[in-house]
Amino acid sequence: MFQPMVLSLFLYFPEDKSEYIPAAITLLIFIIGALLTMRIIISVSKREAQKAKELEDQLKNQQTPQRNS
């Protein structure tokens, strides 16, 4: 008995379906923004991983001659 009353506060289904258009546009903008952000984070992460690998290789090359001498 209490549950339908509480749910009716949060559920709203408009008769005029054109009210969904602003929500759909906003959702689309946020999805595009999330995808772009994800792509940027992935590309920066790849660059940082490449820099870390180069630094690791450089450190390995510096340590190798010192061990042999």
C-alpha atoms as a PDB file:
ATOM      1  CA  MET A   1       0.000   0.000   0.000  1.00  0.00           C
ATOM      2  CA  PHE A   2       2.801   2.394   0.840  1.00  0.00           C
ATOM      3  CA  GLN A   3       5.012   1.282  -2.065  1.00  0.00           C
ATOM      4  CA  PRO A   4       2.746   2.460  -4.954  1.00  0.00           C
ATOM      5  CA  MET A   5       2.428   5.867  -3.337  1.00  0.00           C
ATOM      6  CA  VAL A   6       6.209   6.226  -3.001  1.00  0.00           C
ATOM      7  CA  LEU A   7       6.867   5.001  -6.537  1.00  0.00           C
ATOM      8  CA  SER A   8       4.304   7.400  -7.961  1.00  0.00           C
ATOM      9  CA  LEU A   9       6.444  10.277  -6.680  1.00  0.00           C
ATOM     10  CA  PHE A  10       9.379   9.220  -8.865  1.00  0.00           C
ATOM     11  CA  LEU A  11       7.682   7.759 -11.941  1.00  0.00           C
ATOM     12  CA  TYR A  12       6.367  10.176 -14.500  1.00  0.00           C
ATOM     13  CA  PHE A  13       5.270   9.072 -17.952  1.00  0.00           C
ATOM     14  CA  PRO A  14       4.132  12.083 -19.952  1.00  0.00           C
ATOM     15  CA  GLU A  15       1.226  11.875 -22.338  1.00  0.00           C
ATOM     16  CA  ASP A  16       3.042  14.163 -24.765  1.00  0.00           C
ATOM     17  CA  LYS A  17       6.004  12.092 -25.958  1.00  0.00           C
ATOM     18  CA  SER A  18       7.847  15.212 -27.158  1.00  0.00           C
ATOM     19  CA  GLU A  19       8.871  15.750 -23.527  1.00  0.00           C
ATOM     20  CA  TYR A  20      11.305  12.873 -23.986  1.00  0.00           C
ATOM     21  CA  ILE A  21      13.327  14.798 -26.600  1.00  0.00           C
ATOM     22  CA  PRO A  22      15.313  17.044 -24.185  1.00  0.00           C
ATOM     23  CA  ALA A  23      16.095  14.034 -21.991  1.00  0.00           C
ATOM     24  CA  ALA A  24      17.267  12.033 -25.004  1.00  0.00           C
ATOM     25  CA  ILE A  25      19.464  14.907 -26.203  1.00  0.00           C
ATOM     26  CA  THR A  26      20.987  15.306 -22.749  1.00  0.00           C
ATOM     27  CA  LEU A  27      21.591  11.570 -22.505  1.00  0.00           C
ATOM     28  CA  LEU A  28      23.256  11.568 -25.924  1.00  0.00           C
ATOM     29  CA  ILE A  29      25.519  14.479 -24.960  1.00  0.00           C
ATOM     30  CA  PHE A  30      26.614  12.728 -21.767  1.00  0.00           C
ATOM     31  CA  ILE A  31      27.232   9.421 -23.577  1.00  0.00           C
ATOM     32  CA  ILE A  32      29.366  11.164 -26.201  1.00  0.00           C
ATOM     33  CA  GLY A  33      31.247  13.016 -23.460  1.00  0.00           C
ATOM     34  CA  ALA A  34      31.848   9.779 -21.566  1.00  0.00           C
ATOM     35  CA  LEU A  35      33.119   8.028 -24.699  1.00  0.00           C
ATOM     36  CA  LEU A  36      35.456  10.905 -25.556  1.00  0.00           C
ATOM     37  CA  THR A  37      36.762  10.985 -21.996  1.00  0.00           C
ATOM     38  CA  MET A  38      37.359   7.229 -22.074  1.00  0.00           C
ATOM     39  CA  ARG A  39      39.255   7.498 -25.377  1.00  0.00           C
ATOM     40  CA  ILE A  40      41.416  10.335 -24.016  1.00  0.00           C
ATOM     41  CA  ILE A  41      42.205   8.381 -20.860  1.00  0.00           C
ATOM     42  CA  ILE A  42      43.135   5.291 -22.896  1.00  0.00           C
ATOM     43  CA  SER A  43      45.421   7.253 -25.232  1.00  0.00           C
ATOM     44  CA  VAL A  44      47.164   9.038 -22.351  1.00  0.00           C
ATOM     45  CA  SER A  45      47.561   5.715 -20.560  1.00  0.00           C
ATOM     46  CA  LYS A  46      49.159   4.148 -23.644  1.00  0.00           C
ATOM     47  CA  ARG A  47      51.581   7.070 -23.944  1.00  0.00           C
ATOM     48  CA  GLU A  48      52.509   6.796 -20.270  1.00  0.00           C
ATOM     49  CA  ALA A  49      53.008   3.037 -20.596  1.00  0.00           C
ATOM     50  CA  GLN A  50      55.294   3.596 -23.581  1.00  0.00           C
ATOM     51  CA  LYS A  51      57.313   6.187 -21.640  1.00  0.00           C
ATOM     52  CA  ALA A  52      57.572   3.814 -18.677  1.00  0.00           C
ATOM     53  CA  LYS A  53      58.744   0.987 -20.959  1.00  0.00           C
ATOM     54  CA  GLU A  54      61.375   3.235 -22.541  1.00  0.00           C
ATOM     55  CA  LEU A  55      62.588   4.320 -19.112  1.00  0.00           C
ATOM     56  CA  GLU A  56      62.698   0.703 -17.957  1.00  0.00           C
ATOM     57  CA  ASP A  57      64.710  -0.307 -21.030  1.00  0.00           C
ATOM     58  CA  GLN A  58      67.057   2.636 -20.492  1.00  0.00           C
ATOM     59  CA  LEU A  59      67.623   1.652 -16.870  1.00  0.00           C
ATOM     60  CA  LYS A  60      68.223  -1.983 -17.842  1.00  0.00           C
ATOM     61  CA  ASN A  61      70.784  -0.910 -20.435  1.00  0.00           C
ATOM     62  CA  GLN A  62      72.589   1.253 -17.885  1.00  0.00           C
ATOM     63  CA  GLN A  63      72.726  -1.539 -15.317  1.00  0.00           C
ATOM     64  CA  THR A  64      73.942  -4.283 -17.683  1.00  0.00           C
ATOM     65  CA  PRO A  65      77.488  -2.927 -18.347  1.00  0.00           C
ATOM     66  CA  GLN A  66      78.043  -2.230 -14.648  1.00  0.00           C
ATOM     67  CA  ARG A  67      77.392  -5.866 -13.728  1.00  0.00           C
ATOM     68  CA  ASN A  68      79.943  -7.195 -16.213  1.00  0.00           C
ATOM     69  CA  SER A  69      82.807  -4.941 -15.091  1.00  0.00           C
END
